[in-house]
Amino acid sequence: MPRMNRMGLLATSALLAFVMMGATERSLDPAVVNPHTVKVTLENDHVRVFEAVLKPGDKETLHSHPRTVVYVIEGGRMRNHPDVGAATESELTAGQTMYREPLTHWAENIGTTTMRLVVVEMKDPK
């Protein structure tokens, strides 16, 4: 194989590997993929706390959470889309507190009110 063809093949292979790596390494961090709805308020070695604000019609981007506790400041109607399985709808009420196991999902506000949540993500001890 001529030297130029080998160089072209090598460059094409490297580019393809880089593109594929980017697709599989895409961030699922809610603060990174949903900067318009998520604001981190505290992060340390034990927890990360953020406020999520979803206005009516807002749709999040797919993201993942470790174990979490969610406190509802202002409730509303939401649709939760897990990465596997069927979407579910629920009504969140102010003062409600929920514990969730790790999950990958995206959510949308399908109601008429702005929802405000405090999400506490647990970090496993190192």
N, C-alpha and C. Protein backbone atom coordinates (compact mmCIF):
# COMPACT_ATOMS: atom_id res chain seq x y z
N MET A 1 0.86 -1.18 0.00
CA MET A 1 0.00 0.00 0.00
C MET A 1 0.90 1.24 0.00
N PRO A 2 0.68 2.17 -0.87
CA PRO A 2 1.50 3.37 -0.92
C PRO A 2 1.43 4.13 0.40
N ARG A 3 2.51 4.86 0.70
CA ARG A 3 2.63 5.59 1.97
C ARG A 3 1.46 6.57 2.18
N MET A 4 1.04 7.31 1.17
CA MET A 4 -0.05 8.28 1.30
C MET A 4 -1.36 7.59 1.65
N ASN A 5 -1.61 6.43 1.05
CA ASN A 5 -2.85 5.71 1.36
C ASN A 5 -2.85 5.23 2.80
N ARG A 6 -1.70 4.75 3.27
CA ARG A 6 -1.60 4.30 4.66
C ARG A 6 -1.81 5.46 5.61
N MET A 7 -1.24 6.62 5.30
CA MET A 7 -1.39 7.81 6.15
C MET A 7 -2.86 8.25 6.17
N GLY A 8 -3.50 8.22 4.99
CA GLY A 8 -4.91 8.60 4.93
C GLY A 8 -5.78 7.64 5.71
N LEU A 9 -5.49 6.35 5.60
CA LEU A 9 -6.24 5.34 6.33
C LEU A 9 -6.04 5.50 7.83
N LEU A 10 -4.82 5.77 8.24
CA LEU A 10 -4.52 5.97 9.66
C LEU A 10 -5.25 7.21 10.19
N ALA A 11 -5.22 8.30 9.43
CA ALA A 11 -5.89 9.53 9.86
C ALA A 11 -7.40 9.32 9.94
N THR A 12 -7.97 8.64 8.97
CA THR A 12 -9.40 8.36 8.97
C THR A 12 -9.78 7.49 10.15
N SER A 13 -8.97 6.47 10.43
CA SER A 13 -9.23 5.57 11.57
C SER A 13 -9.17 6.34 12.89
N ALA A 14 -8.18 7.21 13.03
CA ALA A 14 -8.04 7.99 14.26
C ALA A 14 -9.24 8.92 14.44
N LEU A 15 -9.68 9.57 13.37
CA LEU A 15 -10.83 10.46 13.43
C LEU A 15 -12.10 9.69 13.81
N LEU A 16 -12.30 8.53 13.21
CA LEU A 16 -13.47 7.71 13.52
C LEU A 16 -13.45 7.27 14.98
N ALA A 17 -12.29 6.87 15.48
CA ALA A 17 -12.19 6.46 16.89
C ALA A 17 -12.51 7.63 17.81
N PHE A 18 -12.02 8.83 17.46
CA PHE A 18 -12.29 10.02 18.26
C PHE A 18 -13.78 10.33 18.28
N VAL A 19 -14.43 10.28 17.15
CA VAL A 19 -15.87 10.56 17.06
C VAL A 19 -16.66 9.53 17.85
N MET A 20 -16.32 8.26 17.71
CA MET A 20 -17.03 7.21 18.43
C MET A 20 -16.83 7.35 19.93
N MET A 21 -15.62 7.70 20.36
CA MET A 21 -15.35 7.87 21.77
C MET A 21 -16.20 9.02 22.32
N GLY A 22 -16.31 10.10 21.56
CA GLY A 22 -17.13 11.23 22.01
C GLY A 22 -18.58 10.86 22.17
N ALA A 23 -19.09 10.02 21.29
CA ALA A 23 -20.49 9.61 21.37
C ALA A 23 -20.73 8.75 22.59
N THR A 24 -19.78 7.89 22.95
CA THR A 24 -19.99 7.02 24.10
C THR A 24 -19.60 7.69 25.40
N GLU A 25 -18.77 8.73 25.35
CA GLU A 25 -18.33 9.41 26.55
C GLU A 25 -19.19 10.65 26.86
N ARG A 26 -20.27 10.82 26.13
CA ARG A 26 -21.14 11.98 26.32
C ARG A 26 -21.53 12.10 27.78
N SER A 27 -21.49 13.29 28.30
CA SER A 27 -21.80 13.52 29.70
C SER A 27 -23.27 13.23 30.00
N LEU A 28 -23.49 12.58 31.13
CA LEU A 28 -24.84 12.38 31.63
C LEU A 28 -25.03 13.13 32.95
N ASP A 29 -24.11 14.06 33.23
CA ASP A 29 -24.17 14.86 34.44
C ASP A 29 -25.30 15.89 34.29
N PRO A 30 -26.30 15.87 35.19
CA PRO A 30 -27.43 16.79 35.03
C PRO A 30 -27.02 18.26 35.01
N ALA A 31 -26.00 18.63 35.75
CA ALA A 31 -25.57 20.03 35.77
C ALA A 31 -24.90 20.44 34.47
N VAL A 32 -24.32 19.48 33.76
CA VAL A 32 -23.65 19.76 32.49
C VAL A 32 -24.66 19.79 31.34
N VAL A 33 -25.54 18.80 31.29
CA VAL A 33 -26.45 18.68 30.15
C VAL A 33 -27.73 19.50 30.30
N ASN A 34 -28.02 19.97 31.51
CA ASN A 34 -29.22 20.77 31.76
C ASN A 34 -28.90 22.09 32.46
N PRO A 35 -27.98 22.88 31.92
CA PRO A 35 -27.59 24.11 32.63
C PRO A 35 -28.72 25.14 32.73
N HIS A 36 -29.73 25.02 31.89
CA HIS A 36 -30.85 25.96 31.93
C HIS A 36 -31.85 25.63 33.05
N THR A 37 -31.79 24.41 33.61
CA THR A 37 -32.73 24.04 34.67
C THR A 37 -32.05 23.66 35.99
N VAL A 38 -30.73 23.45 35.99
CA VAL A 38 -30.04 22.94 37.17
C VAL A 38 -28.96 23.93 37.62
N LYS A 39 -28.95 24.23 38.93
CA LYS A 39 -27.92 25.08 39.52
C LYS A 39 -27.35 24.37 40.75
N VAL A 40 -26.07 24.01 40.70
CA VAL A 40 -25.42 23.36 41.84
C VAL A 40 -25.21 24.40 42.93
N THR A 41 -25.64 24.07 44.16
CA THR A 41 -25.51 24.99 45.29
C THR A 41 -24.49 24.54 46.31
N LEU A 42 -24.13 23.26 46.30
CA LEU A 42 -23.13 22.72 47.23
C LEU A 42 -22.57 21.44 46.65
N GLU A 43 -21.26 21.28 46.75
CA GLU A 43 -20.65 20.01 46.37
C GLU A 43 -19.43 19.78 47.25
N ASN A 44 -19.35 18.57 47.80
CA ASN A 44 -18.17 18.18 48.58
C ASN A 44 -17.95 16.68 48.37
N ASP A 45 -17.13 16.07 49.21
CA ASP A 45 -16.81 14.64 49.05
C ASP A 45 -17.99 13.73 49.37
N HIS A 46 -19.03 14.25 50.00
CA HIS A 46 -20.14 13.42 50.46
C HIS A 46 -21.43 13.57 49.64
N VAL A 47 -21.72 14.80 49.23
CA VAL A 47 -22.97 15.07 48.51
C VAL A 47 -22.76 16.14 47.45
N ARG A 48 -23.72 16.18 46.53
CA ARG A 48 -23.86 17.32 45.62
C ARG A 48 -25.32 17.72 45.72
N VAL A 49 -25.55 19.01 45.93
CA VAL A 49 -26.91 19.53 46.08
C VAL A 49 -27.15 20.51 44.94
N PHE A 50 -28.30 20.38 44.31
CA PHE A 50 -28.65 21.37 43.30
C PHE A 50 -30.14 21.66 43.33
N GLU A 51 -30.46 22.83 42.79
CA GLU A 51 -31.85 23.22 42.63
C GLU A 51 -32.19 23.02 41.16
N ALA A 52 -33.32 22.38 40.91
CA ALA A 52 -33.83 22.21 39.55
C ALA A 52 -35.12 23.01 39.44
N VAL A 53 -35.18 23.85 38.41
CA VAL A 53 -36.36 24.66 38.16
C VAL A 53 -36.84 24.33 36.75
N LEU A 54 -38.06 23.81 36.67
CA LEU A 54 -38.65 23.47 35.36
C LEU A 54 -39.92 24.28 35.18
N LYS A 55 -39.88 25.17 34.21
CA LYS A 55 -41.06 25.96 33.87
C LYS A 55 -42.01 25.10 33.04
N PRO A 56 -43.28 25.47 32.96
CA PRO A 56 -44.21 24.70 32.13
C PRO A 56 -43.65 24.50 30.71
N GLY A 57 -43.65 23.26 30.26
CA GLY A 57 -43.15 22.93 28.93
C GLY A 57 -41.67 22.61 28.88
N ASP A 58 -40.90 22.89 29.95
CA ASP A 58 -39.47 22.58 29.95
C ASP A 58 -39.25 21.08 29.84
N LYS A 59 -38.24 20.71 29.05
CA LYS A 59 -37.84 19.30 28.89
C LYS A 59 -36.35 19.21 29.16
N GLU A 60 -35.98 18.28 30.02
CA GLU A 60 -34.58 18.06 30.32
C GLU A 60 -33.93 17.20 29.23
N THR A 61 -32.61 17.17 29.27
CA THR A 61 -31.82 16.27 28.45
C THR A 61 -31.52 15.02 29.28
N LEU A 62 -31.38 13.88 28.63
CA LEU A 62 -31.07 12.62 29.33
C LEU A 62 -29.86 12.82 30.25
N HIS A 63 -29.99 12.34 31.49
CA HIS A 63 -28.92 12.45 32.47
C HIS A 63 -29.05 11.34 33.51
N SER A 64 -28.04 11.21 34.36
CA SER A 64 -28.02 10.16 35.38
C SER A 64 -27.83 10.76 36.77
N HIS A 65 -28.35 10.04 37.76
CA HIS A 65 -28.17 10.40 39.16
C HIS A 65 -27.69 9.17 39.93
N PRO A 66 -26.84 9.38 40.94
CA PRO A 66 -26.60 8.30 41.91
C PRO A 66 -27.81 8.25 42.85
N ARG A 67 -27.69 7.64 44.01
CA ARG A 67 -28.78 7.66 44.99
C ARG A 67 -29.09 9.12 45.31
N THR A 68 -30.38 9.47 45.38
CA THR A 68 -30.75 10.86 45.63
C THR A 68 -31.92 10.97 46.59
N VAL A 69 -31.97 12.14 47.22
CA VAL A 69 -33.15 12.57 47.96
C VAL A 69 -33.62 13.83 47.26
N VAL A 70 -34.92 13.90 46.98
CA VAL A 70 -35.50 15.05 46.29
C VAL A 70 -36.53 15.69 47.22
N TYR A 71 -36.40 17.01 47.40
CA TYR A 71 -37.38 17.77 48.19
C TYR A 71 -38.07 18.74 47.24
N VAL A 72 -39.40 18.74 47.27
CA VAL A 72 -40.19 19.58 46.37
C VAL A 72 -40.48 20.91 47.06
N ILE A 73 -39.97 22.00 46.48
CA ILE A 73 -40.27 23.34 47.00
C ILE A 73 -41.58 23.82 46.41
N GLU A 74 -41.71 23.73 45.09
CA GLU A 74 -42.95 24.08 44.39
C GLU A 74 -43.28 22.91 43.47
N GLY A 75 -44.47 22.38 43.61
CA GLY A 75 -44.85 21.19 42.86
C GLY A 75 -45.43 21.47 41.49
N GLY A 76 -45.85 20.39 40.88
CA GLY A 76 -46.45 20.47 39.56
C GLY A 76 -46.59 19.08 38.96
N ARG A 77 -47.00 19.05 37.72
CA ARG A 77 -47.22 17.78 37.01
C ARG A 77 -46.03 17.51 36.12
N MET A 78 -45.47 16.30 36.24
CA MET A 78 -44.30 15.96 35.44
C MET A 78 -44.44 14.60 34.77
N ARG A 79 -43.70 14.45 33.70
CA ARG A 79 -43.58 13.16 33.01
C ARG A 79 -42.11 12.77 33.09
N ASN A 80 -41.86 11.56 33.59
CA ASN A 80 -40.51 11.05 33.76
C ASN A 80 -40.25 9.98 32.70
N HIS A 81 -39.17 10.14 31.96
CA HIS A 81 -38.81 9.22 30.88
C HIS A 81 -37.53 8.47 31.26
N PRO A 82 -37.64 7.22 31.76
CA PRO A 82 -36.42 6.46 32.07
C PRO A 82 -35.72 6.05 30.78
N ASP A 83 -34.42 5.75 30.90
CA ASP A 83 -33.68 5.33 29.69
C ASP A 83 -34.17 3.98 29.19
N VAL A 84 -34.77 3.19 30.07
CA VAL A 84 -35.35 1.89 29.71
C VAL A 84 -36.73 1.81 30.33
N GLY A 85 -37.72 1.49 29.53
CA GLY A 85 -39.07 1.34 30.06
C GLY A 85 -39.97 2.50 29.67
N ALA A 86 -41.19 2.41 30.14
CA ALA A 86 -42.22 3.38 29.77
C ALA A 86 -42.17 4.63 30.63
N ALA A 87 -42.58 5.74 30.06
CA ALA A 87 -42.67 7.01 30.79
C ALA A 87 -43.80 6.93 31.81
N THR A 88 -43.64 7.67 32.89
CA THR A 88 -44.68 7.74 33.92
C THR A 88 -45.00 9.21 34.20
N GLU A 89 -46.22 9.47 34.63
CA GLU A 89 -46.63 10.82 34.99
C GLU A 89 -46.91 10.86 36.48
N SER A 90 -46.60 12.00 37.10
CA SER A 90 -46.88 12.14 38.52
C SER A 90 -47.13 13.60 38.87
N GLU A 91 -47.79 13.77 39.98
CA GLU A 91 -48.07 15.10 40.53
C GLU A 91 -47.18 15.27 41.75
N LEU A 92 -46.30 16.27 41.73
CA LEU A 92 -45.44 16.55 42.87
C LEU A 92 -46.07 17.68 43.68
N THR A 93 -46.04 17.55 45.00
CA THR A 93 -46.63 18.57 45.86
C THR A 93 -45.57 19.21 46.75
N ALA A 94 -45.73 20.48 47.03
CA ALA A 94 -44.79 21.20 47.89
C ALA A 94 -44.64 20.48 49.22
N GLY A 95 -43.40 20.33 49.67
CA GLY A 95 -43.12 19.65 50.93
C GLY A 95 -42.87 18.16 50.79
N GLN A 96 -43.16 17.61 49.64
CA GLN A 96 -42.95 16.17 49.40
C GLN A 96 -41.45 15.87 49.36
N THR A 97 -41.06 14.74 49.96
CA THR A 97 -39.67 14.29 49.94
C THR A 97 -39.65 12.87 49.42
N MET A 98 -38.70 12.60 48.50
CA MET A 98 -38.60 11.27 47.87
C MET A 98 -37.16 10.79 47.91
N TYR A 99 -37.00 9.48 48.06
CA TYR A 99 -35.69 8.84 47.91
C TYR A 99 -35.71 8.07 46.61
N ARG A 100 -34.61 8.17 45.84
CA ARG A 100 -34.54 7.43 44.57
C ARG A 100 -33.21 6.68 44.49
N GLU A 101 -33.30 5.48 44.00
CA GLU A 101 -32.10 4.70 43.68
C GLU A 101 -31.48 5.30 42.41
N PRO A 102 -30.23 4.95 42.09
CA PRO A 102 -29.60 5.50 40.89
C PRO A 102 -30.47 5.29 39.65
N LEU A 103 -30.51 6.31 38.79
CA LEU A 103 -31.30 6.19 37.58
C LEU A 103 -30.76 7.10 36.49
N THR A 104 -31.10 6.74 35.26
CA THR A 104 -30.84 7.56 34.08
C THR A 104 -32.20 7.87 33.48
N HIS A 105 -32.47 9.16 33.25
CA HIS A 105 -33.81 9.56 32.78
C HIS A 105 -33.74 10.97 32.23
N TRP A 106 -34.87 11.43 31.74
CA TRP A 106 -35.10 12.85 31.49
C TRP A 106 -36.54 13.12 31.89
N ALA A 107 -36.81 14.36 32.28
CA ALA A 107 -38.15 14.71 32.75
C ALA A 107 -38.65 15.95 32.01
N GLU A 108 -39.96 16.10 32.06
CA GLU A 108 -40.56 17.30 31.47
C GLU A 108 -41.69 17.78 32.35
N ASN A 109 -41.87 19.09 32.39
CA ASN A 109 -42.96 19.70 33.14
C ASN A 109 -44.16 19.76 32.21
N ILE A 110 -45.17 18.94 32.50
CA ILE A 110 -46.36 18.89 31.65
C ILE A 110 -47.53 19.65 32.28
N GLY A 111 -47.24 20.37 33.36
CA GLY A 111 -48.28 21.13 34.04
C GLY A 111 -48.27 22.60 33.65
N THR A 112 -48.94 23.39 34.48
CA THR A 112 -49.09 24.82 34.21
C THR A 112 -48.34 25.69 35.23
N THR A 113 -47.63 25.06 36.16
CA THR A 113 -46.90 25.80 37.18
C THR A 113 -45.40 25.48 37.09
N THR A 114 -44.58 26.41 37.55
CA THR A 114 -43.14 26.18 37.61
C THR A 114 -42.84 25.26 38.79
N MET A 115 -42.05 24.23 38.55
CA MET A 115 -41.65 23.29 39.60
C MET A 115 -40.24 23.65 40.07
N ARG A 116 -40.04 23.61 41.39
CA ARG A 116 -38.72 23.84 41.99
C ARG A 116 -38.42 22.68 42.92
N LEU A 117 -37.28 22.05 42.70
CA LEU A 117 -36.88 20.88 43.48
C LEU A 117 -35.47 21.09 44.02
N VAL A 118 -35.20 20.58 45.21
CA VAL A 118 -33.84 20.48 45.72
C VAL A 118 -33.47 19.01 45.61
N VAL A 119 -32.38 18.73 44.92
CA VAL A 119 -31.92 17.36 44.70
C VAL A 119 -30.60 17.18 45.42
N VAL A 120 -30.53 16.17 46.29
CA VAL A 120 -29.31 15.85 47.02
C VAL A 120 -28.80 14.52 46.48
N GLU A 121 -27.67 14.55 45.79
CA GLU A 121 -27.06 13.33 45.26
C GLU A 121 -26.01 12.83 46.26
N MET A 122 -26.15 11.55 46.66
CA MET A 122 -25.20 10.95 47.60
C MET A 122 -23.97 10.47 46.84
N LYS A 123 -22.81 10.70 47.43
CA LYS A 123 -21.58 10.18 46.85
C LYS A 123 -21.12 9.01 47.69
N ASP A 124 -20.73 7.94 47.03
CA ASP A 124 -20.26 6.77 47.77
C ASP A 124 -18.93 7.09 48.43
N PRO A 125 -18.72 6.57 49.65
CA PRO A 125 -17.43 6.80 50.32
C PRO A 125 -16.29 6.24 49.49
N LYS A 126 -15.19 6.95 49.53
CA LYS A 126 -14.02 6.51 48.74
C LYS A 126 -13.04 5.78 49.61
